[in-house]
Amino acid sequence: MTSTPTLPPIRNMGPYKVAEAIYLSPFSPSDTTELHRILNITSAVSLGLYGENMTFPFPLENAQAFTQWHLQRRTERRIVDCWAIRSSPEGPVIGLIGVNDFGHVEDGMDICYKASSTDPTEHTGEEAQVPMRCGKFGYWLSPEVTGQGIMTRVLDYVLRQLARQAIGLERVHGKAWEDNVASCRVMERVGMKREKSFPWYVPKFEETKMCAHYVLDL
């Protein structure tokens, strides 16, 4: 009789205490109702860069699919890289932040290389170009709790405590619409530098918007 292999524990489950009344923990199907409610308060999230492919109003079945997808994803991958922002460890959702690998080609960017390497190439003796492990993040916050500095604290915590140590990233990229001044300021407050701005056609808006691109080395 063969035994069932034991799966490794799921990493980065938390809950993580960012500050008083600010916690991070994974999404679960029990978050569906509150998620659906928040995303239908105003169109703010759907108008942000994170909501590029979101609709407003946001259907209940989409909220159900979202929470179920996150449960399935972490079960299969054995790691959490997207967290619900909560006001208590098991409290209702008030926002989201996620960090994952940055696909340079898919995002229209050149590969990032480390400044130098101590490993010379075999034939030339010159320093080898070693690609950096880059990540990107996305976030949104309920319109009921904006303007309180929550997202700045959350982003700073995730970049300093989780992106490097728990996920192994060396550089993170962030993007926001240029006219989303609040989101740009969040990234600037945690030390990110704007590298460039570029036009981005958004089908659901039927217009081209300017997108600001930020970078931070961890």
N, C-alpha and C. Protein backbone atom coordinates (compact mmCIF):
# COMPACT_ATOMS: atom_id res chain seq x y z
N MET A 1 0.85 -1.19 0.00
CA MET A 1 0.00 0.00 0.00
C MET A 1 0.89 1.24 0.00
N THR A 2 0.67 2.10 -0.98
CA THR A 2 1.48 3.31 -1.09
C THR A 2 0.84 4.43 -0.28
N SER A 3 1.70 5.22 0.34
CA SER A 3 1.20 6.34 1.14
C SER A 3 1.08 7.59 0.27
N THR A 4 0.14 8.44 0.62
CA THR A 4 -0.05 9.70 -0.09
C THR A 4 1.08 10.65 0.29
N PRO A 5 1.77 11.24 -0.71
CA PRO A 5 2.86 12.16 -0.38
C PRO A 5 2.35 13.35 0.44
N THR A 6 3.14 13.76 1.39
CA THR A 6 2.78 14.90 2.22
C THR A 6 3.16 16.19 1.51
N LEU A 7 2.19 17.08 1.36
CA LEU A 7 2.45 18.35 0.70
C LEU A 7 3.17 19.30 1.66
N PRO A 8 4.06 20.13 1.13
CA PRO A 8 4.71 21.12 2.00
C PRO A 8 3.69 22.17 2.44
N PRO A 9 3.93 22.83 3.56
CA PRO A 9 3.00 23.87 4.00
C PRO A 9 2.96 25.02 3.00
N ILE A 10 1.84 25.71 2.98
CA ILE A 10 1.71 26.88 2.10
C ILE A 10 2.45 28.04 2.75
N ARG A 11 3.36 28.63 2.01
CA ARG A 11 4.17 29.72 2.54
C ARG A 11 3.44 31.06 2.48
N ASN A 12 3.84 31.96 3.35
CA ASN A 12 3.37 33.35 3.37
C ASN A 12 1.88 33.48 3.69
N MET A 13 1.36 32.59 4.50
CA MET A 13 -0.05 32.64 4.86
C MET A 13 -0.37 33.78 5.83
N GLY A 14 0.60 34.18 6.65
CA GLY A 14 0.28 35.19 7.65
C GLY A 14 -0.58 34.61 8.76
N PRO A 15 -1.40 35.43 9.43
CA PRO A 15 -1.61 36.85 9.14
C PRO A 15 -0.40 37.69 9.55
N TYR A 16 -0.17 38.77 8.79
CA TYR A 16 0.91 39.69 9.07
C TYR A 16 0.32 40.98 9.64
N LYS A 17 0.91 41.44 10.72
CA LYS A 17 0.48 42.71 11.30
C LYS A 17 1.35 43.83 10.73
N VAL A 18 0.75 44.67 9.91
CA VAL A 18 1.46 45.80 9.31
C VAL A 18 1.56 46.94 10.31
N ALA A 19 0.47 47.22 10.97
CA ALA A 19 0.38 48.28 11.98
C ALA A 19 -0.89 48.01 12.78
N GLU A 20 -1.16 48.86 13.75
CA GLU A 20 -2.38 48.70 14.51
C GLU A 20 -3.58 48.78 13.57
N ALA A 21 -4.42 47.78 13.59
CA ALA A 21 -5.64 47.72 12.77
C ALA A 21 -5.35 47.61 11.27
N ILE A 22 -4.16 47.08 10.91
CA ILE A 22 -3.85 46.79 9.50
C ILE A 22 -3.18 45.42 9.44
N TYR A 23 -3.85 44.46 8.82
CA TYR A 23 -3.35 43.09 8.74
C TYR A 23 -3.44 42.58 7.31
N LEU A 24 -2.60 41.60 7.00
CA LEU A 24 -2.62 40.93 5.70
C LEU A 24 -2.83 39.44 5.91
N SER A 25 -3.74 38.87 5.16
CA SER A 25 -3.95 37.42 5.17
C SER A 25 -4.57 37.02 3.84
N PRO A 26 -4.54 35.73 3.48
CA PRO A 26 -5.05 35.31 2.17
C PRO A 26 -6.55 35.52 2.03
N PHE A 27 -6.98 35.61 0.77
CA PHE A 27 -8.41 35.63 0.47
C PHE A 27 -8.98 34.23 0.65
N SER A 28 -10.25 34.17 1.02
CA SER A 28 -10.95 32.90 1.12
C SER A 28 -12.36 33.09 0.56
N PRO A 29 -13.04 32.00 0.23
CA PRO A 29 -14.41 32.12 -0.29
C PRO A 29 -15.34 32.90 0.63
N SER A 30 -15.06 32.92 1.93
CA SER A 30 -15.91 33.67 2.86
C SER A 30 -15.80 35.18 2.66
N ASP A 31 -14.80 35.64 1.88
CA ASP A 31 -14.64 37.06 1.59
C ASP A 31 -15.50 37.52 0.41
N THR A 32 -16.17 36.60 -0.25
CA THR A 32 -16.87 36.92 -1.50
C THR A 32 -17.89 38.03 -1.33
N THR A 33 -18.74 37.93 -0.34
CA THR A 33 -19.82 38.91 -0.17
C THR A 33 -19.28 40.31 0.07
N GLU A 34 -18.29 40.43 0.96
CA GLU A 34 -17.73 41.75 1.26
C GLU A 34 -16.94 42.29 0.08
N LEU A 35 -16.23 41.43 -0.61
CA LEU A 35 -15.50 41.84 -1.82
C LEU A 35 -16.47 42.41 -2.84
N HIS A 36 -17.56 41.71 -3.07
CA HIS A 36 -18.57 42.16 -4.03
C HIS A 36 -19.14 43.51 -3.61
N ARG A 37 -19.41 43.69 -2.32
CA ARG A 37 -19.96 44.95 -1.83
C ARG A 37 -19.00 46.11 -2.06
N ILE A 38 -17.73 45.92 -1.68
CA ILE A 38 -16.74 46.99 -1.80
C ILE A 38 -16.57 47.43 -3.25
N LEU A 39 -16.47 46.45 -4.14
CA LEU A 39 -16.20 46.77 -5.54
C LEU A 39 -17.40 47.38 -6.25
N ASN A 40 -18.51 47.50 -5.54
CA ASN A 40 -19.69 48.14 -6.12
C ASN A 40 -20.09 49.41 -5.39
N ILE A 41 -19.24 49.89 -4.47
CA ILE A 41 -19.53 51.15 -3.79
C ILE A 41 -19.41 52.31 -4.77
N THR A 42 -18.26 52.37 -5.45
CA THR A 42 -18.02 53.36 -6.50
C THR A 42 -17.24 52.66 -7.61
N SER A 43 -16.98 53.39 -8.67
CA SER A 43 -16.21 52.83 -9.79
C SER A 43 -14.71 53.04 -9.61
N ALA A 44 -14.27 53.51 -8.43
CA ALA A 44 -12.88 53.91 -8.23
C ALA A 44 -11.89 52.79 -8.55
N VAL A 45 -12.14 51.58 -8.07
CA VAL A 45 -11.20 50.48 -8.30
C VAL A 45 -11.15 50.12 -9.78
N SER A 46 -12.29 50.07 -10.43
CA SER A 46 -12.32 49.69 -11.84
C SER A 46 -11.66 50.74 -12.72
N LEU A 47 -11.56 51.98 -12.24
CA LEU A 47 -10.91 53.04 -13.02
C LEU A 47 -9.40 53.06 -12.83
N GLY A 48 -8.90 52.38 -11.80
CA GLY A 48 -7.47 52.32 -11.56
C GLY A 48 -6.79 51.32 -12.47
N LEU A 49 -5.46 51.31 -12.44
CA LEU A 49 -4.71 50.41 -13.31
C LEU A 49 -4.97 48.96 -12.96
N TYR A 50 -5.12 48.66 -11.66
CA TYR A 50 -5.41 47.27 -11.26
C TYR A 50 -6.71 46.80 -11.89
N GLY A 51 -7.66 47.70 -12.02
CA GLY A 51 -8.97 47.34 -12.55
C GLY A 51 -9.11 47.50 -14.05
N GLU A 52 -7.98 47.45 -14.76
CA GLU A 52 -8.01 47.66 -16.21
C GLU A 52 -9.01 46.73 -16.90
N ASN A 53 -9.11 45.50 -16.42
CA ASN A 53 -10.01 44.53 -17.05
C ASN A 53 -11.27 44.27 -16.22
N MET A 54 -11.50 45.11 -15.22
CA MET A 54 -12.68 44.94 -14.37
C MET A 54 -13.86 45.73 -14.92
N THR A 55 -15.04 45.26 -14.59
CA THR A 55 -16.25 45.97 -14.98
C THR A 55 -16.87 46.63 -13.75
N PHE A 56 -17.67 47.63 -14.00
CA PHE A 56 -18.46 48.25 -12.94
C PHE A 56 -19.87 48.46 -13.48
N PRO A 57 -20.87 47.93 -12.80
CA PRO A 57 -20.84 47.17 -11.56
C PRO A 57 -20.07 45.85 -11.71
N PHE A 58 -19.59 45.35 -10.56
CA PHE A 58 -18.80 44.12 -10.52
C PHE A 58 -19.72 42.97 -10.12
N PRO A 59 -19.93 41.99 -11.01
CA PRO A 59 -20.91 40.92 -10.75
C PRO A 59 -20.50 40.02 -9.58
N LEU A 60 -21.49 39.48 -8.90
CA LEU A 60 -21.24 38.57 -7.78
C LEU A 60 -20.48 37.33 -8.25
N GLU A 61 -20.82 36.82 -9.42
CA GLU A 61 -20.13 35.62 -9.90
C GLU A 61 -18.64 35.89 -10.14
N ASN A 62 -18.29 37.12 -10.49
CA ASN A 62 -16.88 37.46 -10.65
C ASN A 62 -16.16 37.47 -9.30
N ALA A 63 -16.84 37.96 -8.28
CA ALA A 63 -16.26 37.94 -6.93
C ALA A 63 -16.08 36.50 -6.45
N GLN A 64 -17.05 35.66 -6.74
CA GLN A 64 -16.94 34.24 -6.37
C GLN A 64 -15.77 33.58 -7.10
N ALA A 65 -15.64 33.87 -8.38
CA ALA A 65 -14.54 33.29 -9.17
C ALA A 65 -13.19 33.79 -8.65
N PHE A 66 -13.14 35.05 -8.24
CA PHE A 66 -11.89 35.64 -7.75
C PHE A 66 -11.41 34.93 -6.49
N THR A 67 -12.27 34.80 -5.50
CA THR A 67 -11.85 34.18 -4.24
C THR A 67 -11.55 32.69 -4.44
N GLN A 68 -12.31 32.03 -5.28
CA GLN A 68 -12.06 30.61 -5.54
C GLN A 68 -10.74 30.41 -6.27
N TRP A 69 -10.44 31.30 -7.20
CA TRP A 69 -9.18 31.21 -7.95
C TRP A 69 -7.99 31.36 -7.02
N HIS A 70 -8.06 32.29 -6.08
CA HIS A 70 -6.95 32.48 -5.16
C HIS A 70 -6.76 31.27 -4.25
N LEU A 71 -7.85 30.67 -3.82
CA LEU A 71 -7.75 29.46 -3.01
C LEU A 71 -7.09 28.34 -3.79
N GLN A 72 -7.52 28.14 -5.02
CA GLN A 72 -6.96 27.08 -5.86
C GLN A 72 -5.49 27.35 -6.18
N ARG A 73 -5.17 28.60 -6.46
CA ARG A 73 -3.80 28.95 -6.85
C ARG A 73 -2.81 28.67 -5.73
N ARG A 74 -3.12 29.10 -4.52
CA ARG A 74 -2.16 28.87 -3.43
C ARG A 74 -2.11 27.39 -3.03
N THR A 75 -3.22 26.68 -3.22
CA THR A 75 -3.22 25.25 -2.92
C THR A 75 -2.29 24.51 -3.88
N GLU A 76 -2.29 24.93 -5.14
CA GLU A 76 -1.45 24.28 -6.14
C GLU A 76 0.01 24.73 -6.04
N ARG A 77 0.22 26.03 -5.83
CA ARG A 77 1.58 26.56 -5.85
C ARG A 77 2.27 26.52 -4.48
N ARG A 78 1.50 26.35 -3.43
CA ARG A 78 2.02 26.27 -2.06
C ARG A 78 2.69 27.56 -1.62
N ILE A 79 2.19 28.67 -2.13
CA ILE A 79 2.71 29.98 -1.72
C ILE A 79 1.61 31.02 -1.91
N VAL A 80 1.59 32.01 -1.04
CA VAL A 80 0.66 33.14 -1.16
C VAL A 80 1.45 34.35 -1.62
N ASP A 81 0.97 35.01 -2.68
CA ASP A 81 1.61 36.24 -3.13
C ASP A 81 0.57 37.35 -3.35
N CYS A 82 -0.64 37.13 -2.85
CA CYS A 82 -1.69 38.14 -2.90
C CYS A 82 -2.47 38.05 -1.60
N TRP A 83 -2.63 39.19 -0.94
CA TRP A 83 -3.24 39.20 0.39
C TRP A 83 -4.42 40.17 0.45
N ALA A 84 -5.41 39.80 1.24
CA ALA A 84 -6.47 40.73 1.59
C ALA A 84 -5.94 41.65 2.69
N ILE A 85 -6.25 42.92 2.58
CA ILE A 85 -5.95 43.87 3.64
C ILE A 85 -7.16 43.90 4.57
N ARG A 86 -6.91 43.78 5.86
CA ARG A 86 -8.00 43.71 6.84
C ARG A 86 -7.69 44.62 8.03
N SER A 87 -8.72 44.97 8.78
CA SER A 87 -8.53 45.80 9.97
C SER A 87 -8.28 44.96 11.22
N SER A 88 -8.42 43.65 11.12
CA SER A 88 -8.10 42.71 12.19
C SER A 88 -7.71 41.39 11.53
N PRO A 89 -7.05 40.49 12.24
CA PRO A 89 -6.55 39.27 11.60
C PRO A 89 -7.59 38.49 10.82
N GLU A 90 -8.82 38.44 11.31
CA GLU A 90 -9.88 37.70 10.63
C GLU A 90 -11.04 38.62 10.25
N GLY A 91 -10.75 39.90 10.16
CA GLY A 91 -11.79 40.87 9.86
C GLY A 91 -12.16 40.90 8.39
N PRO A 92 -13.14 41.74 8.03
CA PRO A 92 -13.56 41.84 6.63
C PRO A 92 -12.50 42.49 5.75
N VAL A 93 -12.58 42.21 4.49
CA VAL A 93 -11.66 42.78 3.50
C VAL A 93 -11.84 44.29 3.41
N ILE A 94 -10.72 45.03 3.38
CA ILE A 94 -10.80 46.47 3.10
C ILE A 94 -9.91 46.84 1.90
N GLY A 95 -9.18 45.86 1.36
CA GLY A 95 -8.33 46.15 0.22
C GLY A 95 -7.57 44.91 -0.20
N LEU A 96 -6.64 45.10 -1.12
CA LEU A 96 -5.85 44.00 -1.69
C LEU A 96 -4.47 44.49 -2.04
N ILE A 97 -3.49 43.62 -1.89
CA ILE A 97 -2.16 43.86 -2.45
C ILE A 97 -1.57 42.52 -2.89
N GLY A 98 -0.98 42.51 -4.06
CA GLY A 98 -0.37 41.29 -4.59
C GLY A 98 0.97 41.59 -5.21
N VAL A 99 1.89 40.64 -5.11
CA VAL A 99 3.23 40.76 -5.70
C VAL A 99 3.53 39.47 -6.45
N ASN A 100 3.96 39.59 -7.69
CA ASN A 100 4.37 38.39 -8.43
C ASN A 100 5.46 38.73 -9.42
N ASP A 101 5.95 37.72 -10.12
CA ASP A 101 7.05 37.92 -11.05
C ASP A 101 6.67 38.88 -12.16
N PHE A 102 7.65 39.68 -12.56
CA PHE A 102 7.46 40.69 -13.61
C PHE A 102 7.92 40.11 -14.93
N GLY A 103 7.00 39.98 -15.88
CA GLY A 103 7.36 39.49 -17.20
C GLY A 103 7.83 40.62 -18.09
N HIS A 104 9.14 40.77 -18.23
CA HIS A 104 9.67 41.93 -18.95
C HIS A 104 9.14 42.02 -20.37
N VAL A 105 9.14 40.90 -21.08
CA VAL A 105 8.69 40.92 -22.48
C VAL A 105 7.21 41.27 -22.56
N GLU A 106 6.40 40.60 -21.70
CA GLU A 106 4.97 40.84 -21.72
C GLU A 106 4.64 42.29 -21.37
N ASP A 107 5.47 42.90 -20.52
CA ASP A 107 5.22 44.27 -20.09
C ASP A 107 5.97 45.29 -20.93
N GLY A 108 6.59 44.84 -22.03
CA GLY A 108 7.25 45.77 -22.93
C GLY A 108 8.51 46.41 -22.37
N MET A 109 9.22 45.69 -21.51
CA MET A 109 10.42 46.24 -20.87
C MET A 109 11.63 45.37 -21.18
N ASP A 110 12.81 46.01 -21.20
CA ASP A 110 14.05 45.26 -21.33
C ASP A 110 14.32 44.50 -20.03
N ILE A 111 15.03 43.39 -20.14
CA ILE A 111 15.40 42.62 -18.96
C ILE A 111 16.31 43.45 -18.07
N CYS A 112 16.10 43.39 -16.76
CA CYS A 112 16.94 44.11 -15.81
C CYS A 112 18.13 43.23 -15.43
N TYR A 113 19.31 43.82 -15.47
CA TYR A 113 20.51 43.08 -15.09
C TYR A 113 21.13 43.68 -13.83
N LYS A 114 21.79 42.83 -13.07
CA LYS A 114 22.51 43.31 -11.90
C LYS A 114 23.66 44.20 -12.37
N ALA A 115 24.03 45.14 -11.52
CA ALA A 115 25.07 46.10 -11.90
C ALA A 115 26.38 45.40 -12.23
N SER A 116 26.70 44.33 -11.50
CA SER A 116 27.93 43.60 -11.76
C SER A 116 27.82 42.20 -11.19
N SER A 117 28.72 41.35 -11.59
CA SER A 117 28.74 39.98 -11.09
C SER A 117 30.17 39.59 -10.79
N THR A 118 30.37 38.82 -9.74
CA THR A 118 31.73 38.37 -9.42
C THR A 118 32.12 37.14 -10.22
N ASP A 119 31.19 36.64 -11.04
CA ASP A 119 31.48 35.44 -11.82
C ASP A 119 31.85 35.83 -13.25
N PRO A 120 33.14 35.77 -13.62
CA PRO A 120 33.53 36.11 -14.99
C PRO A 120 33.04 35.05 -15.96
N THR A 121 32.82 35.46 -17.19
CA THR A 121 32.43 34.49 -18.20
C THR A 121 33.60 33.56 -18.49
N GLU A 122 33.29 32.38 -18.94
CA GLU A 122 34.30 31.32 -19.05
C GLU A 122 35.41 31.67 -20.04
N HIS A 123 35.04 32.32 -21.15
CA HIS A 123 36.01 32.50 -22.22
C HIS A 123 36.65 33.89 -22.25
N THR A 124 35.93 34.91 -21.79
CA THR A 124 36.45 36.27 -21.93
C THR A 124 37.00 36.83 -20.64
N GLY A 125 36.61 36.28 -19.50
CA GLY A 125 37.06 36.85 -18.24
C GLY A 125 36.29 38.10 -17.86
N GLU A 126 35.37 38.55 -18.72
CA GLU A 126 34.58 39.73 -18.42
C GLU A 126 33.44 39.38 -17.46
N GLU A 127 32.93 40.41 -16.79
CA GLU A 127 31.82 40.19 -15.87
C GLU A 127 30.59 39.72 -16.63
N ALA A 128 29.97 38.70 -16.12
CA ALA A 128 28.76 38.18 -16.75
C ALA A 128 27.57 39.07 -16.42
N GLN A 129 26.64 39.16 -17.36
CA GLN A 129 25.40 39.87 -17.11
C GLN A 129 24.41 38.90 -16.48
N VAL A 130 24.05 39.18 -15.26
CA VAL A 130 23.14 38.30 -14.53
C VAL A 130 21.79 38.98 -14.40
N PRO A 131 20.74 38.37 -14.93
CA PRO A 131 19.41 38.99 -14.82
C PRO A 131 18.97 39.09 -13.36
N MET A 132 18.28 40.16 -13.05
CA MET A 132 17.70 40.32 -11.73
C MET A 132 16.36 39.61 -11.68
N ARG A 133 15.99 39.14 -10.50
CA ARG A 133 14.65 38.61 -10.34
C ARG A 133 13.73 39.78 -9.98
N CYS A 134 12.90 40.13 -10.93
CA CYS A 134 12.03 41.29 -10.77
C CYS A 134 10.59 40.87 -10.48
N GLY A 135 9.90 41.74 -9.79
CA GLY A 135 8.49 41.50 -9.50
C GLY A 135 7.68 42.75 -9.76
N LYS A 136 6.39 42.58 -9.78
CA LYS A 136 5.48 43.72 -9.92
C LYS A 136 4.38 43.55 -8.89
N PHE A 137 3.69 44.63 -8.60
CA PHE A 137 2.63 44.56 -7.60
C PHE A 137 1.40 45.32 -8.09
N GLY A 138 0.30 44.99 -7.46
CA GLY A 138 -0.95 45.70 -7.71
C GLY A 138 -1.68 45.85 -6.40
N TYR A 139 -2.49 46.89 -6.29
CA TYR A 139 -3.22 47.10 -5.04
C TYR A 139 -4.47 47.93 -5.28
N TRP A 140 -5.38 47.81 -4.37
CA TRP A 140 -6.53 48.72 -4.31
C TRP A 140 -7.02 48.77 -2.88
N LEU A 141 -7.76 49.81 -2.56
CA LEU A 141 -8.27 50.01 -1.22
C LEU A 141 -9.73 50.42 -1.30
N SER A 142 -10.52 49.94 -0.36
CA SER A 142 -11.93 50.32 -0.32
C SER A 142 -12.07 51.84 -0.22
N PRO A 143 -12.98 52.44 -0.99
CA PRO A 143 -13.18 53.89 -0.89
C PRO A 143 -13.62 54.33 0.50
N GLU A 144 -14.06 53.39 1.32
CA GLU A 144 -14.48 53.73 2.68
C GLU A 144 -13.31 54.03 3.61
N VAL A 145 -12.10 53.63 3.23
CA VAL A 145 -10.95 53.80 4.13
C VAL A 145 -9.78 54.52 3.46
N THR A 146 -9.98 55.14 2.32
CA THR A 146 -8.90 55.86 1.67
C THR A 146 -8.58 57.15 2.44
N GLY A 147 -7.40 57.70 2.17
CA GLY A 147 -7.02 58.95 2.81
C GLY A 147 -6.51 58.80 4.23
N GLN A 148 -6.24 57.57 4.68
CA GLN A 148 -5.78 57.34 6.04
C GLN A 148 -4.33 56.84 6.10
N GLY A 149 -3.66 56.79 4.95
CA GLY A 149 -2.28 56.32 4.92
C GLY A 149 -2.13 54.81 4.98
N ILE A 150 -3.24 54.09 4.83
CA ILE A 150 -3.19 52.62 4.95
C ILE A 150 -2.35 52.00 3.85
N MET A 151 -2.58 52.42 2.61
CA MET A 151 -1.90 51.77 1.50
C MET A 151 -0.40 52.04 1.51
N THR A 152 0.00 53.23 1.93
CA THR A 152 1.44 53.50 2.03
C THR A 152 2.10 52.56 3.02
N ARG A 153 1.46 52.34 4.16
CA ARG A 153 2.01 51.43 5.16
C ARG A 153 2.04 49.99 4.64
N VAL A 154 0.98 49.60 3.98
CA VAL A 154 0.91 48.23 3.47
C VAL A 154 1.97 47.99 2.41
N LEU A 155 2.09 48.90 1.45
CA LEU A 155 3.07 48.72 0.38
C LEU A 155 4.48 48.70 0.94
N ASP A 156 4.78 49.60 1.86
CA ASP A 156 6.11 49.64 2.46
C ASP A 156 6.42 48.32 3.16
N TYR A 157 5.45 47.79 3.89
CA TYR A 157 5.65 46.52 4.60
C TYR A 157 5.88 45.38 3.62
N VAL A 158 5.05 45.30 2.60
CA VAL A 158 5.16 44.19 1.64
C VAL A 158 6.50 44.24 0.91
N LEU A 159 6.94 45.42 0.51
CA LEU A 159 8.20 45.52 -0.21
C LEU A 159 9.39 45.22 0.70
N ARG A 160 9.37 45.73 1.92
CA ARG A 160 10.52 45.56 2.82
C ARG A 160 10.55 44.18 3.48
N GLN A 161 9.38 43.64 3.80
CA GLN A 161 9.33 42.42 4.60
C GLN A 161 9.02 41.15 3.80
N LEU A 162 8.26 41.28 2.72
CA LEU A 162 7.81 40.08 2.02
C LEU A 162 8.43 39.90 0.65
N ALA A 163 8.48 40.96 -0.15
CA ALA A 163 8.94 40.82 -1.53
C ALA A 163 10.37 40.27 -1.59
N ARG A 164 11.24 40.80 -0.76
CA ARG A 164 12.64 40.36 -0.77
C ARG A 164 12.83 39.07 0.03
N GLN A 165 12.37 39.08 1.26
CA GLN A 165 12.67 37.97 2.17
C GLN A 165 11.85 36.72 1.88
N ALA A 166 10.55 36.90 1.65
CA ALA A 166 9.67 35.74 1.52
C ALA A 166 9.52 35.26 0.08
N ILE A 167 9.64 36.18 -0.88
CA ILE A 167 9.43 35.81 -2.28
C ILE A 167 10.75 35.76 -3.05
N GLY A 168 11.76 36.50 -2.59
CA GLY A 168 13.07 36.44 -3.22
C GLY A 168 13.29 37.41 -4.36
N LEU A 169 12.53 38.50 -4.39
CA LEU A 169 12.68 39.49 -5.46
C LEU A 169 13.85 40.43 -5.16
N GLU A 170 14.45 40.95 -6.24
CA GLU A 170 15.56 41.88 -6.10
C GLU A 170 15.19 43.29 -6.56
N ARG A 171 14.19 43.38 -7.39
CA ARG A 171 13.71 44.68 -7.88
C ARG A 171 12.20 44.57 -8.10
N VAL A 172 11.48 45.64 -7.79
CA VAL A 172 10.04 45.65 -8.03
C VAL A 172 9.68 46.80 -8.96
N HIS A 173 8.68 46.55 -9.78
CA HIS A 173 8.15 47.53 -10.72
C HIS A 173 6.71 47.85 -10.33
N GLY A 174 6.36 49.11 -10.41
CA GLY A 174 4.99 49.52 -10.13
C GLY A 174 4.49 50.48 -11.19
N LYS A 175 3.20 50.42 -11.48
CA LYS A 175 2.62 51.28 -12.50
C LYS A 175 1.33 51.90 -12.00
N ALA A 176 1.06 53.09 -12.49
CA ALA A 176 -0.21 53.76 -12.18
C ALA A 176 -0.51 54.73 -13.30
N TRP A 177 -1.79 55.00 -13.51
CA TRP A 177 -2.13 56.06 -14.47
C TRP A 177 -1.54 57.37 -13.95
N GLU A 178 -1.00 58.17 -14.85
CA GLU A 178 -0.41 59.44 -14.44
C GLU A 178 -1.42 60.34 -13.74
N ASP A 179 -2.67 60.25 -14.17
CA ASP A 179 -3.68 61.12 -13.54
C ASP A 179 -4.18 60.58 -12.21
N ASN A 180 -3.70 59.40 -11.80
CA ASN A 180 -4.03 58.85 -10.48
C ASN A 180 -2.95 59.32 -9.51
N VAL A 181 -3.05 60.58 -9.14
CA VAL A 181 -2.01 61.21 -8.33
C VAL A 181 -1.82 60.48 -7.00
N ALA A 182 -2.90 60.05 -6.39
CA ALA A 182 -2.81 59.38 -5.08
C ALA A 182 -1.98 58.11 -5.17
N SER A 183 -2.20 57.31 -6.21
CA SER A 183 -1.45 56.06 -6.36
C SER A 183 0.02 56.32 -6.63
N CYS A 184 0.31 57.33 -7.44
CA CYS A 184 1.71 57.69 -7.70
C CYS A 184 2.40 58.13 -6.41
N ARG A 185 1.69 58.88 -5.59
CA ARG A 185 2.29 59.36 -4.34
C ARG A 185 2.57 58.21 -3.38
N VAL A 186 1.70 57.20 -3.37
CA VAL A 186 1.94 56.03 -2.52
C VAL A 186 3.29 55.42 -2.86
N MET A 187 3.55 55.22 -4.15
CA MET A 187 4.82 54.61 -4.56
C MET A 187 6.00 55.50 -4.24
N GLU A 188 5.83 56.80 -4.42
CA GLU A 188 6.92 57.73 -4.12
C GLU A 188 7.22 57.77 -2.62
N ARG A 189 6.20 57.66 -1.80
CA ARG A 189 6.40 57.71 -0.34
C ARG A 189 7.20 56.51 0.18
N VAL A 190 7.14 55.38 -0.52
CA VAL A 190 7.91 54.21 -0.07
C VAL A 190 9.29 54.15 -0.73
N GLY A 191 9.66 55.21 -1.44
CA GLY A 191 11.01 55.30 -2.00
C GLY A 191 11.15 54.89 -3.44
N MET A 192 10.06 54.61 -4.13
CA MET A 192 10.16 54.22 -5.54
C MET A 192 10.45 55.44 -6.41
N LYS A 193 11.18 55.22 -7.49
CA LYS A 193 11.54 56.30 -8.40
C LYS A 193 10.84 56.09 -9.74
N ARG A 194 10.31 57.18 -10.28
CA ARG A 194 9.68 57.09 -11.59
C ARG A 194 10.75 57.00 -12.66
N GLU A 195 10.69 55.94 -13.46
CA GLU A 195 11.67 55.74 -14.52
C GLU A 195 11.22 56.36 -15.82
N LYS A 196 9.94 56.23 -16.12
CA LYS A 196 9.44 56.76 -17.38
C LYS A 196 7.93 56.78 -17.36
N SER A 197 7.36 57.42 -18.37
CA SER A 197 5.92 57.35 -18.62
C SER A 197 5.73 56.93 -20.07
N PHE A 198 4.66 56.21 -20.33
CA PHE A 198 4.43 55.74 -21.69
C PHE A 198 2.93 55.64 -21.95
N PRO A 199 2.53 55.76 -23.21
CA PRO A 199 1.10 55.66 -23.55
C PRO A 199 0.63 54.21 -23.52
N TRP A 200 -0.61 54.00 -23.09
CA TRP A 200 -1.19 52.66 -22.95
C TRP A 200 -2.64 52.74 -23.40
N TYR A 201 -2.93 52.03 -24.47
CA TYR A 201 -4.32 52.03 -24.95
C TYR A 201 -5.15 51.09 -24.08
N VAL A 202 -6.27 51.61 -23.57
CA VAL A 202 -7.14 50.83 -22.68
C VAL A 202 -8.47 50.60 -23.40
N PRO A 203 -8.71 49.37 -23.86
CA PRO A 203 -9.92 49.09 -24.65
C PRO A 203 -11.21 49.50 -23.96
N LYS A 204 -11.32 49.26 -22.66
CA LYS A 204 -12.61 49.54 -22.02
C LYS A 204 -12.88 51.05 -21.92
N PHE A 205 -11.82 51.86 -21.94
CA PHE A 205 -11.99 53.31 -21.95
C PHE A 205 -12.07 53.85 -23.37
N GLU A 206 -11.64 53.02 -24.33
CA GLU A 206 -11.54 53.43 -25.73
C GLU A 206 -10.68 54.69 -25.87
N GLU A 207 -9.59 54.70 -25.14
CA GLU A 207 -8.67 55.84 -25.21
C GLU A 207 -7.29 55.40 -24.74
N THR A 208 -6.31 56.22 -25.06
CA THR A 208 -4.94 55.98 -24.62
C THR A 208 -4.67 56.82 -23.38
N LYS A 209 -4.17 56.16 -22.34
CA LYS A 209 -3.83 56.87 -21.11
C LYS A 209 -2.32 56.82 -20.89
N MET A 210 -1.80 57.82 -20.22
CA MET A 210 -0.39 57.83 -19.89
C MET A 210 -0.18 57.05 -18.59
N CYS A 211 0.80 56.15 -18.65
CA CYS A 211 1.08 55.28 -17.52
C CYS A 211 2.46 55.62 -16.95
N ALA A 212 2.54 55.82 -15.64
CA ALA A 212 3.80 56.10 -14.97
C ALA A 212 4.40 54.79 -14.46
N HIS A 213 5.69 54.60 -14.71
CA HIS A 213 6.38 53.36 -14.34
C HIS A 213 7.42 53.67 -13.26
N TYR A 214 7.31 52.97 -12.13
CA TYR A 214 8.20 53.17 -10.99
C TYR A 214 9.03 51.92 -10.72
N VAL A 215 10.22 52.12 -10.12
CA VAL A 215 11.12 51.01 -9.83
C VAL A 215 11.73 51.20 -8.44
N LEU A 216 11.96 50.09 -7.75
CA LEU A 216 12.67 50.11 -6.47
C LEU A 216 13.54 48.87 -6.37
N ASP A 217 14.83 49.07 -6.08
CA ASP A 217 15.72 47.95 -5.80
C ASP A 217 15.62 47.59 -4.33
N LEU A 218 15.48 46.31 -4.06
CA LEU A 218 15.26 45.85 -2.69
C LEU A 218 16.58 45.47 -2.00
